């Protein structure tokens, strides 16, 4: 019986620093081991790794990606700062006429 969480993975061997930089460019989750990296099988990433001359082997198993290297408290604080800056700004364009003395017609306050 196969494990339902098993998936097709790519095992990468060779220059692991170069491999990690390439995997990072794809923002792909990566399992880091002493002698290899393991990532989810992805055609684009596979082509990039092959272009760098890295050895790849398809394997089946579970992916246990490396944890984030940023403390969770910092992630929460960063999310809070981002949320406080979000907002909706509305700009309504209206015709001002050729003469500033002309009364303007009533225009809606927003275009929503």
PDB file of N, CA and C in Angstrom:
ATOM      1  N   UNK A   1       0.849  -1.188   0.000  1.00  0.00           N
ATOM      2  CA  UNK A   1       0.000   0.000   0.000  1.00  0.00           C
ATOM      3  C   UNK A   1       0.889   1.244   0.000  1.00  0.00           C
ATOM      4  N   UNK A   2       0.571   2.223  -0.833  1.00  0.00           N
ATOM      5  CA  UNK A   2       1.385   3.431  -0.914  1.00  0.00           C
ATOM      6  C   UNK A   2       0.847   4.496   0.021  1.00  0.00           C
ATOM      7  N   UNK A   3       1.756   5.328   0.482  1.00  0.00           N
ATOM      8  CA  UNK A   3       1.412   6.432   1.371  1.00  0.00           C
ATOM      9  C   UNK A   3       0.718   7.520   0.543  1.00  0.00           C
ATOM     10  N   UNK A   4      -0.456   8.013   0.973  1.00  0.00           N
ATOM     11  CA  UNK A   4      -1.158   9.038   0.188  1.00  0.00           C
ATOM     12  C   UNK A   4      -0.386  10.356   0.104  1.00  0.00           C
ATOM     13  N   UNK A   5       0.543  10.578   1.035  1.00  0.00           N
ATOM     14  CA  UNK A   5       1.315  11.816   1.003  1.00  0.00           C
ATOM     15  C   UNK A   5       2.582  11.689   0.171  1.00  0.00           C
ATOM     16  N   UNK A   6       2.873  10.484  -0.343  1.00  0.00           N
ATOM     17  CA  UNK A   6       4.026  10.320  -1.218  1.00  0.00           C
ATOM     18  C   UNK A   6       3.786  11.052  -2.524  1.00  0.00           C
ATOM     19  N   UNK A   7       4.849  11.597  -3.066  1.00  0.00           N
ATOM     20  CA  UNK A   7       4.744  12.319  -4.324  1.00  0.00           C
ATOM     21  C   UNK A   7       6.035  12.137  -5.113  1.00  0.00           C
ATOM     22  N   UNK A   8       5.994  12.510  -6.369  1.00  0.00           N
ATOM     23  CA  UNK A   8       7.183  12.437  -7.205  1.00  0.00           C
ATOM     24  C   UNK A   8       8.067  13.628  -6.856  1.00  0.00           C
ATOM     25  N   UNK A   9       9.306  13.334  -6.514  1.00  0.00           N
ATOM     26  CA  UNK A   9      10.260  14.359  -6.097  1.00  0.00           C
ATOM     27  C   UNK A   9      11.503  14.278  -6.970  1.00  0.00           C
ATOM     28  N   UNK A  10      12.296  15.329  -6.939  1.00  0.00           N
ATOM     29  CA  UNK A  10      13.572  15.353  -7.644  1.00  0.00           C
ATOM     30  C   UNK A  10      14.681  15.459  -6.613  1.00  0.00           C
ATOM     31  N   UNK A  11      15.615  14.511  -6.686  1.00  0.00           N
ATOM     32  CA  UNK A  11      16.793  14.515  -5.830  1.00  0.00           C
ATOM     33  C   UNK A  11      17.913  15.195  -6.610  1.00  0.00           C
ATOM     34  N   UNK A  12      18.563  16.174  -5.985  1.00  0.00           N
ATOM     35  CA  UNK A  12      19.611  16.939  -6.657  1.00  0.00           C
ATOM     36  C   UNK A  12      20.932  16.680  -5.949  1.00  0.00           C
ATOM     37  N   UNK A  13      21.953  16.349  -6.719  1.00  0.00           N
ATOM     38  CA  UNK A  13      23.305  16.135  -6.183  1.00  0.00           C
ATOM     39  C   UNK A  13      24.291  16.953  -7.007  1.00  0.00           C
ATOM     40  N   UNK A  14      25.415  17.258  -6.402  1.00  0.00           N
ATOM     41  CA  UNK A  14      26.438  18.048  -7.079  1.00  0.00           C
ATOM     42  C   UNK A  14      26.761  19.252  -6.217  1.00  0.00           C
ATOM     43  N   UNK A  15      26.935  20.400  -6.844  1.00  0.00           N
ATOM     44  CA  UNK A  15      27.217  21.646  -6.121  1.00  0.00           C
ATOM     45  C   UNK A  15      25.918  22.110  -5.455  1.00  0.00           C
ATOM     46  N   UNK A  16      25.771  21.780  -4.180  1.00  0.00           N
ATOM     47  CA  UNK A  16      24.490  22.044  -3.499  1.00  0.00           C
ATOM     48  C   UNK A  16      24.248  23.534  -3.260  1.00  0.00           C
ATOM     49  N   UNK A  17      25.304  24.321  -3.151  1.00  0.00           N
ATOM     50  CA  UNK A  17      25.116  25.771  -3.000  1.00  0.00           C
ATOM     51  C   UNK A  17      24.523  26.332  -4.286  1.00  0.00           C
ATOM     52  N   UNK A  18      25.092  25.942  -5.406  1.00  0.00           N
ATOM     53  CA  UNK A  18      24.556  26.379  -6.696  1.00  0.00           C
ATOM     54  C   UNK A  18      23.124  25.882  -6.882  1.00  0.00           C
ATOM     55  N   UNK A  19      22.887  24.633  -6.488  1.00  0.00           N
ATOM     56  CA  UNK A  19      21.542  24.067  -6.598  1.00  0.00           C
ATOM     57  C   UNK A  19      20.553  24.840  -5.722  1.00  0.00           C
ATOM     58  N   UNK A  20      20.961  25.174  -4.501  1.00  0.00           N
ATOM     59  CA  UNK A  20      20.076  25.910  -3.593  1.00  0.00           C
ATOM     60  C   UNK A  20      19.751  27.299  -4.143  1.00  0.00           C
ATOM     61  N   UNK A  21      20.730  27.950  -4.740  1.00  0.00           N
ATOM     62  CA  UNK A  21      20.468  29.262  -5.347  1.00  0.00           C
ATOM     63  C   UNK A  21      19.466  29.145  -6.483  1.00  0.00           C
ATOM     64  N   UNK A  22      19.609  28.107  -7.302  1.00  0.00           N
ATOM     65  CA  UNK A  22      18.684  27.892  -8.419  1.00  0.00           C
ATOM     66  C   UNK A  22      17.283  27.592  -7.906  1.00  0.00           C
ATOM     67  N   UNK A  23      17.178  26.697  -6.916  1.00  0.00           N
ATOM     68  CA  UNK A  23      15.871  26.357  -6.331  1.00  0.00           C
ATOM     69  C   UNK A  23      15.231  27.609  -5.724  1.00  0.00           C
ATOM     70  N   UNK A  24      16.034  28.444  -5.080  1.00  0.00           N
ATOM     71  CA  UNK A  24      15.523  29.678  -4.480  1.00  0.00           C
ATOM     72  C   UNK A  24      14.953  30.635  -5.506  1.00  0.00           C
ATOM     73  N   UNK A  25      15.548  30.674  -6.704  1.00  0.00           N
ATOM     74  CA  UNK A  25      15.028  31.539  -7.761  1.00  0.00           C
ATOM     75  C   UNK A  25      13.621  31.124  -8.186  1.00  0.00           C
ATOM     76  N   UNK A  26      13.322  29.850  -8.009  1.00  0.00           N
ATOM     77  CA  UNK A  26      11.988  29.342  -8.353  1.00  0.00           C
ATOM     78  C   UNK A  26      11.041  29.382  -7.152  1.00  0.00           C
ATOM     79  N   UNK A  27      11.514  29.858  -6.001  1.00  0.00           N
ATOM     80  CA  UNK A  27      10.717  29.910  -4.765  1.00  0.00           C
ATOM     81  C   UNK A  27      10.095  28.550  -4.464  1.00  0.00           C
ATOM     82  N   UNK A  28      10.875  27.492  -4.695  1.00  0.00           N
ATOM     83  CA  UNK A  28      10.383  26.131  -4.505  1.00  0.00           C
ATOM     84  C   UNK A  28      10.751  25.630  -3.113  1.00  0.00           C
ATOM     85  N   UNK A  29       9.830  24.959  -2.413  1.00  0.00           N
ATOM     86  CA  UNK A  29      10.176  24.350  -1.133  1.00  0.00           C
ATOM     87  C   UNK A  29      11.268  23.307  -1.350  1.00  0.00           C
ATOM     88  N   UNK A  30      12.195  23.207  -0.404  1.00  0.00           N
ATOM     89  CA  UNK A  30      13.362  22.359  -0.588  1.00  0.00           C
ATOM     90  C   UNK A  30      13.706  21.641   0.712  1.00  0.00           C
ATOM     91  N   UNK A  31      13.928  20.346   0.607  1.00  0.00           N
ATOM     92  CA  UNK A  31      14.393  19.543   1.737  1.00  0.00           C
ATOM     93  C   UNK A  31      15.916  19.489   1.644  1.00  0.00           C
ATOM     94  N   UNK A  32      16.603  19.937   2.690  1.00  0.00           N
ATOM     95  CA  UNK A  32      18.060  20.025   2.686  1.00  0.00           C
ATOM     96  C   UNK A  32      18.634  18.867   3.501  1.00  0.00           C
ATOM     97  N   UNK A  33      19.511  18.098   2.870  1.00  0.00           N
ATOM     98  CA  UNK A  33      20.204  17.009   3.542  1.00  0.00           C
ATOM     99  C   UNK A  33      21.701  17.203   3.345  1.00  0.00           C
ATOM    100  N   UNK A  34      22.519  16.381   4.015  1.00  0.00           N
ATOM    101  CA  UNK A  34      23.975  16.544   3.955  1.00  0.00           C
ATOM    102  C   UNK A  34      24.534  16.453   2.544  1.00  0.00           C
ATOM    103  N   UNK A  35      24.035  15.514   1.746  1.00  0.00           N
ATOM    104  CA  UNK A  35      24.621  15.254   0.441  1.00  0.00           C
ATOM    105  C   UNK A  35      23.673  15.471  -0.732  1.00  0.00           C
ATOM    106  N   UNK A  36      22.486  15.992  -0.473  1.00  0.00           N
ATOM    107  CA  UNK A  36      21.526  16.200  -1.548  1.00  0.00           C
ATOM    108  C   UNK A  36      20.450  17.195  -1.140  1.00  0.00           C
ATOM    109  N   UNK A  37      19.764  17.726  -2.149  1.00  0.00           N
ATOM    110  CA  UNK A  37      18.561  18.539  -1.963  1.00  0.00           C
ATOM    111  C   UNK A  37      17.412  17.761  -2.584  1.00  0.00           C
ATOM    112  N   UNK A  38      16.225  17.903  -2.016  1.00  0.00           N
ATOM    113  CA  UNK A  38      15.045  17.252  -2.581  1.00  0.00           C
ATOM    114  C   UNK A  38      13.974  18.321  -2.781  1.00  0.00           C
ATOM    115  N   UNK A  39      13.414  18.366  -3.990  1.00  0.00           N
ATOM    116  CA  UNK A  39      12.361  19.329  -4.331  1.00  0.00           C
ATOM    117  C   UNK A  39      11.232  18.590  -5.025  1.00  0.00           C
ATOM    118  N   UNK A  40      10.067  19.227  -5.117  1.00  0.00           N
ATOM    119  CA  UNK A  40       8.968  18.661  -5.898  1.00  0.00           C
ATOM    120  C   UNK A  40       9.371  18.666  -7.366  1.00  0.00           C
ATOM    121  N   UNK A  41       8.958  17.647  -8.084  1.00  0.00           N
ATOM    122  CA  UNK A  41       9.277  17.558  -9.505  1.00  0.00           C
ATOM    123  C   UNK A  41       8.621  18.721 -10.244  1.00  0.00           C
ATOM    124  N   UNK A  42       9.425  19.462 -10.999  1.00  0.00           N
ATOM    125  CA  UNK A  42       8.942  20.622 -11.754  1.00  0.00           C
ATOM    126  C   UNK A  42       9.778  20.723 -13.027  1.00  0.00           C
ATOM    127  N   UNK A  43       9.131  20.778 -14.172  1.00  0.00           N
ATOM    128  CA  UNK A  43       9.842  20.761 -15.447  1.00  0.00           C
ATOM    129  C   UNK A  43      10.763  21.965 -15.623  1.00  0.00           C
ATOM    130  N   UNK A  44      10.280  23.151 -15.309  1.00  0.00           N
ATOM    131  CA  UNK A  44      11.102  24.355 -15.465  1.00  0.00           C
ATOM    132  C   UNK A  44      12.323  24.333 -14.564  1.00  0.00           C
ATOM    133  N   UNK A  45      12.126  23.956 -13.311  1.00  0.00           N
ATOM    134  CA  UNK A  45      13.242  23.870 -12.370  1.00  0.00           C
ATOM    135  C   UNK A  45      14.218  22.790 -12.828  1.00  0.00           C
ATOM    136  N   UNK A  46      13.701  21.674 -13.299  1.00  0.00           N
ATOM    137  CA  UNK A  46      14.547  20.585 -13.774  1.00  0.00           C
ATOM    138  C   UNK A  46      15.431  21.039 -14.934  1.00  0.00           C
ATOM    139  N   UNK A  47      14.883  21.795 -15.852  1.00  0.00           N
ATOM    140  CA  UNK A  47      15.659  22.294 -16.989  1.00  0.00           C
ATOM    141  C   UNK A  47      16.754  23.251 -16.520  1.00  0.00           C
ATOM    142  N   UNK A  48      16.424  24.121 -15.562  1.00  0.00           N
ATOM    143  CA  UNK A  48      17.417  25.063 -15.040  1.00  0.00           C
ATOM    144  C   UNK A  48      18.541  24.324 -14.322  1.00  0.00           C
ATOM    145  N   UNK A  49      18.202  23.307 -13.529  1.00  0.00           N
ATOM    146  CA  UNK A  49      19.219  22.527 -12.827  1.00  0.00           C
ATOM    147  C   UNK A  49      20.102  21.764 -13.811  1.00  0.00           C
ATOM    148  N   UNK A  50      19.495  21.216 -14.866  1.00  0.00           N
ATOM    149  CA  UNK A  50      20.263  20.502 -15.887  1.00  0.00           C
ATOM    150  C   UNK A  50      21.222  21.444 -16.605  1.00  0.00           C
ATOM    151  N   UNK A  51      20.789  22.673 -16.878  1.00  0.00           N
ATOM    152  CA  UNK A  51      21.639  23.657 -17.540  1.00  0.00           C
ATOM    153  C   UNK A  51      22.863  23.997 -16.687  1.00  0.00           C
ATOM    154  N   UNK A  52      22.731  23.841 -15.371  1.00  0.00           N
ATOM    155  CA  UNK A  52      23.851  24.095 -14.457  1.00  0.00           C
ATOM    156  C   UNK A  52      24.725  22.854 -14.272  1.00  0.00           C
ATOM    157  N   UNK A  53      24.351  21.753 -14.916  1.00  0.00           N
ATOM    158  CA  UNK A  53      25.142  20.538 -14.840  1.00  0.00           C
ATOM    159  C   UNK A  53      24.963  19.753 -13.553  1.00  0.00           C
ATOM    160  N   UNK A  54      23.842  19.922 -12.876  1.00  0.00           N
ATOM    161  CA  UNK A  54      23.584  19.225 -11.622  1.00  0.00           C
ATOM    162  C   UNK A  54      22.919  17.882 -11.878  1.00  0.00           C
ATOM    163  N   UNK A  55      23.283  16.885 -11.080  1.00  0.00           N
ATOM    164  CA  UNK A  55      22.717  15.544 -11.213  1.00  0.00           C
ATOM    165  C   UNK A  55      21.329  15.505 -10.591  1.00  0.00           C
ATOM    166  N   UNK A  56      20.364  14.933 -11.340  1.00  0.00           N
ATOM    167  CA  UNK A  56      18.983  14.842 -10.859  1.00  0.00           C
ATOM    168  C   UNK A  56      18.474  13.415 -11.004  1.00  0.00           C
ATOM    169  N   UNK A  57      17.713  12.978 -10.013  1.00  0.00           N
ATOM    170  CA  UNK A  57      17.092  11.662 -10.047  1.00  0.00           C
ATOM    171  C   UNK A  57      15.662  11.797  -9.544  1.00  0.00           C
ATOM    172  N   UNK A  58      14.709  11.192 -10.251  1.00  0.00           N
ATOM    173  CA  UNK A  58      13.321  11.187  -9.801  1.00  0.00           C
ATOM    174  C   UNK A  58      13.162  10.128  -8.712  1.00  0.00           C
ATOM    175  N   UNK A  59      12.568  10.516  -7.586  1.00  0.00           N
ATOM    176  CA  UNK A  59      12.317   9.600  -6.471  1.00  0.00           C
ATOM    177  C   UNK A  59      10.880   9.791  -6.006  1.00  0.00           C
ATOM    178  N   UNK A  60      10.371   8.831  -5.246  1.00  0.00           N
ATOM    179  CA  UNK A  60       9.041   8.963  -4.639  1.00  0.00           C
ATOM    180  C   UNK A  60       9.239   9.037  -3.138  1.00  0.00           C
ATOM    181  N   UNK A  61       8.475   9.883  -2.491  1.00  0.00           N
ATOM    182  CA  UNK A  61       8.572  10.000  -1.038  1.00  0.00           C
ATOM    183  C   UNK A  61       7.828  11.212  -0.538  1.00  0.00           C
ATOM    184  N   UNK A  62       8.054  11.515   0.719  1.00  0.00           N
ATOM    185  CA  UNK A  62       7.461  12.701   1.340  1.00  0.00           C
ATOM    186  C   UNK A  62       8.467  13.837   1.311  1.00  0.00           C
ATOM    187  N   UNK A  63       7.974  15.036   1.090  1.00  0.00           N
ATOM    188  CA  UNK A  63       8.827  16.225   1.120  1.00  0.00           C
ATOM    189  C   UNK A  63       8.701  16.864   2.494  1.00  0.00           C
ATOM    190  N   UNK A  64       9.837  17.077   3.141  1.00  0.00           N
ATOM    191  CA  UNK A  64       9.877  17.773   4.428  1.00  0.00           C
ATOM    192  C   UNK A  64      10.749  19.006   4.221  1.00  0.00           C
ATOM    193  N   UNK A  65      10.166  20.113   3.763  1.00  0.00           N
ATOM    194  CA  UNK A  65      10.976  21.282   3.427  1.00  0.00           C
ATOM    195  C   UNK A  65      11.627  21.900   4.661  1.00  0.00           C
ATOM    196  N   UNK A  66      12.735  22.568   4.411  1.00  0.00           N
ATOM    197  CA  UNK A  66      13.437  23.285   5.480  1.00  0.00           C
ATOM    198  C   UNK A  66      12.526  24.384   6.011  1.00  0.00           C
ATOM    199  N   UNK A  67      12.590  24.677   7.317  1.00  0.00           N
ATOM    200  CA  UNK A  67      11.745  25.728   7.883  1.00  0.00           C
ATOM    201  C   UNK A  67      12.208  27.105   7.424  1.00  0.00           C
ATOM    202  N   UNK A  68      11.332  28.075   7.579  1.00  0.00           N
ATOM    203  CA  UNK A  68      11.706  29.456   7.298  1.00  0.00           C
ATOM    204  C   UNK A  68      12.788  29.880   8.281  1.00  0.00           C
ATOM    205  N   UNK A  69      13.687  30.726   7.838  1.00  0.00           N
ATOM    206  CA  UNK A  69      14.762  31.170   8.706  1.00  0.00           C
ATOM    207  C   UNK A  69      14.441  32.497   9.378  1.00  0.00           C
ATOM    208  N   UNK A  70      13.204  32.916   9.306  1.00  0.00           N
ATOM    209  CA  UNK A  70      12.765  34.145   9.950  1.00  0.00           C
ATOM    210  C   UNK A  70      11.902  33.753  11.148  1.00  0.00           C
ATOM    211  N   UNK A  71      12.182  34.314  12.326  1.00  0.00           N
ATOM    212  CA  UNK A  71      11.348  33.984  13.488  1.00  0.00           C
ATOM    213  C   UNK A  71       9.883  34.305  13.223  1.00  0.00           C
ATOM    214  N   UNK A  72       9.001  33.466  13.749  1.00  0.00           N
ATOM    215  CA  UNK A  72       7.571  33.634  13.515  1.00  0.00           C
ATOM    216  C   UNK A  72       7.074  35.001  13.987  1.00  0.00           C
ATOM    217  N   UNK A  73       7.612  35.493  15.102  1.00  0.00           N
ATOM    218  CA  UNK A  73       7.193  36.803  15.619  1.00  0.00           C
ATOM    219  C   UNK A  73       7.470  37.904  14.592  1.00  0.00           C
ATOM    220  N   UNK A  74       8.592  37.797  13.894  1.00  0.00           N
ATOM    221  CA  UNK A  74       8.924  38.797  12.876  1.00  0.00           C
ATOM    222  C   UNK A  74       7.964  38.707  11.692  1.00  0.00           C
ATOM    223  N   UNK A  75       7.584  37.489  11.307  1.00  0.00           N
ATOM    224  CA  UNK A  75       6.619  37.324  10.222  1.00  0.00           C
ATOM    225  C   UNK A  75       5.278  37.956  10.580  1.00  0.00           C
ATOM    226  N   UNK A  76       4.831  37.758  11.816  1.00  0.00           N
ATOM    227  CA  UNK A  76       3.557  38.330  12.272  1.00  0.00           C
ATOM    228  C   UNK A  76       3.646  39.852  12.284  1.00  0.00           C
ATOM    229  N   UNK A  77       4.768  40.390  12.783  1.00  0.00           N
ATOM    230  CA  UNK A  77       4.939  41.849  12.829  1.00  0.00           C
ATOM    231  C   UNK A  77       4.968  42.437  11.421  1.00  0.00           C
ATOM    232  N   UNK A  78       5.636  41.751  10.513  1.00  0.00           N
ATOM    233  CA  UNK A  78       5.704  42.213   9.132  1.00  0.00           C
ATOM    234  C   UNK A  78       4.322  42.208   8.486  1.00  0.00           C
ATOM    235  N   UNK A  79       3.549  41.178   8.740  1.00  0.00           N
ATOM    236  CA  UNK A  79       2.186  41.104   8.199  1.00  0.00           C
ATOM    237  C   UNK A  79       1.320  42.223   8.766  1.00  0.00           C
ATOM    238  N   UNK A  80       1.481  42.530  10.056  1.00  0.00           N
ATOM    239  CA  UNK A  80       0.696  43.604  10.679  1.00  0.00           C
ATOM    240  C   UNK A  80       1.049  44.952  10.067  1.00  0.00           C
ATOM    241  N   UNK A  81       2.336  45.182   9.810  1.00  0.00           N
ATOM    242  CA  UNK A  81       2.743  46.458   9.186  1.00  0.00           C
ATOM    243  C   UNK A  81       2.173  46.571   7.783  1.00  0.00           C
ATOM    244  N   UNK A  82       2.155  45.483   7.053  1.00  0.00           N
ATOM    245  CA  UNK A  82       1.621  45.490   5.694  1.00  0.00           C
ATOM    246  C   UNK A  82       0.129  45.759   5.702  1.00  0.00           C
ATOM    247  N   UNK A  83      -0.602  45.141   6.628  1.00  0.00           N
ATOM    248  CA  UNK A  83      -2.046  45.334   6.714  1.00  0.00           C
ATOM    249  C   UNK A  83      -2.391  46.776   7.042  1.00  0.00           C
ATOM    250  N   UNK A  84      -1.616  47.422   7.909  1.00  0.00           N
ATOM    251  CA  UNK A  84      -1.952  48.790   8.303  1.00  0.00           C
ATOM    252  C   UNK A  84      -1.749  49.773   7.157  1.00  0.00           C
ATOM    253  N   UNK A  85      -0.907  49.442   6.180  1.00  0.00           N
ATOM    254  CA  UNK A  85      -0.662  50.331   5.054  1.00  0.00           C
ATOM    255  C   UNK A  85      -1.660  50.153   3.922  1.00  0.00           C
ATOM    256  N   UNK A  86      -2.406  49.083   3.973  1.00  0.00           N
ATOM    257  CA  UNK A  86      -3.367  48.845   2.896  1.00  0.00           C
ATOM    258  C   UNK A  86      -4.572  49.750   3.066  1.00  0.00           C
ATOM    259  N   UNK A  87      -5.122  50.173   1.969  1.00  0.00           N
ATOM    260  CA  UNK A  87      -6.307  51.010   2.020  1.00  0.00           C
ATOM    261  C   UNK A  87      -6.793  51.281   0.613  1.00  0.00           C
ATOM    262  N   UNK A  88      -7.962  51.814   0.531  1.00  0.00           N
ATOM    263  CA  UNK A  88      -8.542  52.127  -0.762  1.00  0.00           C
ATOM    264  C   UNK A  88      -8.521  53.634  -0.932  1.00  0.00           C
ATOM    265  N   UNK A  89      -7.996  54.056  -2.046  1.00  0.00           N
ATOM    266  CA  UNK A  89      -7.984  55.480  -2.355  1.00  0.00           C
ATOM    267  C   UNK A  89      -8.785  55.659  -3.642  1.00  0.00           C
ATOM    268  N   UNK A  90      -9.659  56.630  -3.641  1.00  0.00           N
ATOM    269  CA  UNK A  90     -10.507  56.857  -4.798  1.00  0.00           C
ATOM    270  C   UNK A  90     -10.238  58.256  -5.338  1.00  0.00           C
ATOM    271  N   UNK A  91     -10.054  58.336  -6.625  1.00  0.00           N
ATOM    272  CA  UNK A  91      -9.898  59.629  -7.278  1.00  0.00           C
ATOM    273  C   UNK A  91     -11.024  59.759  -8.295  1.00  0.00           C
ATOM    274  N   UNK A  92     -11.752  60.851  -8.213  1.00  0.00           N
ATOM    275  CA  UNK A  92     -12.857  61.079  -9.129  1.00  0.00           C
ATOM    276  C   UNK A  92     -12.478  62.226 -10.051  1.00  0.00           C
ATOM    277  N   UNK A  93     -12.486  61.944 -11.333  1.00  0.00           N
ATOM    278  CA  UNK A  93     -12.212  62.988 -12.313  1.00  0.00           C
ATOM    279  C   UNK A  93     -13.518  63.684 -12.647  1.00  0.00           C
ATOM    280  N   UNK A  94     -13.465  64.978 -12.786  1.00  0.00           N
ATOM    281  CA  UNK A  94     -14.674  65.718 -13.164  1.00  0.00           C
ATOM    282  C   UNK A  94     -14.287  66.887 -14.054  1.00  0.00           C
ATOM    283  N   UNK A  95     -15.228  67.328 -14.831  1.00  0.00           N
ATOM    284  CA  UNK A  95     -15.014  68.431 -15.751  1.00  0.00           C
ATOM    285  C   UNK A  95     -15.088  69.739 -14.979  1.00  0.00           C
ATOM    286  N   UNK A  96     -14.071  70.566 -15.141  1.00  0.00           N
ATOM    287  CA  UNK A  96     -14.032  71.839 -14.429  1.00  0.00           C
ATOM    288  C   UNK A  96     -14.537  73.004 -15.279  1.00  0.00           C
ATOM    289  N   UNK A  97     -14.726  72.775 -16.539  1.00  0.00           N
ATOM    290  CA  UNK A  97     -15.228  73.845 -17.396  1.00  0.00           C
ATOM    291  C   UNK A  97     -14.122  74.803 -17.801  1.00  0.00           C
ATOM    292  N   UNK A  98     -14.447  75.644 -18.766  1.00  0.00           N
ATOM    293  CA  UNK A  98     -13.465  76.618 -19.242  1.00  0.00           C
ATOM    294  C   UNK A  98     -13.352  77.804 -18.297  1.00  0.00           C
ATOM    295  N   UNK A  99     -14.428  78.116 -17.608  1.00  0.00           N
ATOM    296  CA  UNK A  99     -14.449  79.284 -16.734  1.00  0.00           C
ATOM    297  C   UNK A  99     -14.621  78.807 -15.300  1.00  0.00           C
ATOM    298  N   UNK A 100     -13.763  79.226 -14.405  1.00  0.00           N
ATOM    299  CA  UNK A 100     -13.838  78.817 -12.998  1.00  0.00           C
ATOM    300  C   UNK A 100     -15.064  79.412 -12.296  1.00  0.00           C
ATOM    301  N   UNK A 101     -15.679  80.468 -12.858  1.00  0.00           N
ATOM    302  CA  UNK A 101     -16.848  81.074 -12.226  1.00  0.00           C
ATOM    303  C   UNK A 101     -18.119  80.274 -12.484  1.00  0.00           C
ATOM    304  N   UNK A 102     -18.098  79.380 -13.474  1.00  0.00           N
ATOM    305  CA  UNK A 102     -19.284  78.583 -13.777  1.00  0.00           C
ATOM    306  C   UNK A 102     -19.550  77.612 -12.629  1.00  0.00           C
ATOM    307  N   UNK A 103     -20.816  77.539 -12.216  1.00  0.00           N
ATOM    308  CA  UNK A 103     -21.138  76.547 -11.187  1.00  0.00           C
ATOM    309  C   UNK A 103     -21.004  75.138 -11.774  1.00  0.00           C
ATOM    310  N   UNK A 104     -20.482  74.210 -10.969  1.00  0.00           N
ATOM    311  CA  UNK A 104     -20.297  72.836 -11.429  1.00  0.00           C
ATOM    312  C   UNK A 104     -21.548  72.024 -11.145  1.00  0.00           C
ATOM    313  N   UNK A 105     -21.899  71.136 -12.038  1.00  0.00           N
ATOM    314  CA  UNK A 105     -23.052  70.281 -11.776  1.00  0.00           C
ATOM    315  C   UNK A 105     -22.736  69.331 -10.629  1.00  0.00           C
ATOM    316  N   UNK A 106     -23.796  68.832  -9.980  1.00  0.00           N
ATOM    317  CA  UNK A 106     -23.601  67.871  -8.902  1.00  0.00           C
ATOM    318  C   UNK A 106     -23.010  66.587  -9.472  1.00  0.00           C
ATOM    319  N   UNK A 107     -21.931  66.175  -8.894  1.00  0.00           N
ATOM    320  CA  UNK A 107     -21.240  64.960  -9.327  1.00  0.00           C
ATOM    321  C   UNK A 107     -21.226  63.982  -8.150  1.00  0.00           C
ATOM    322  N   UNK A 108     -21.269  62.711  -8.440  1.00  0.00           N
ATOM    323  CA  UNK A 108     -21.183  61.743  -7.346  1.00  0.00           C
ATOM    324  C   UNK A 108     -19.825  61.844  -6.654  1.00  0.00           C
ATOM    325  N   UNK A 109     -19.805  61.510  -5.366  1.00  0.00           N
ATOM    326  CA  UNK A 109     -18.570  61.612  -4.591  1.00  0.00           C
ATOM    327  C   UNK A 109     -17.561  60.556  -5.002  1.00  0.00           C
ATOM    328  N   UNK A 110     -18.009  59.415  -5.492  1.00  0.00           N
ATOM    329  CA  UNK A 110     -17.094  58.367  -5.939  1.00  0.00           C
ATOM    330  C   UNK A 110     -17.599  57.810  -7.243  1.00  0.00           C
ATOM    331  N   UNK A 111     -16.780  57.038  -7.864  1.00  0.00           N
ATOM    332  CA  UNK A 111     -17.201  56.392  -9.100  1.00  0.00           C
ATOM    333  C   UNK A 111     -17.646  54.951  -8.859  1.00  0.00           C
ATOM    334  N   UNK A 112     -17.881  54.598  -7.610  1.00  0.00           N
ATOM    335  CA  UNK A 112     -18.315  53.230  -7.282  1.00  0.00           C
ATOM    336  C   UNK A 112     -19.819  53.108  -7.382  1.00  0.00           C
TER     337      UNK A 112
END
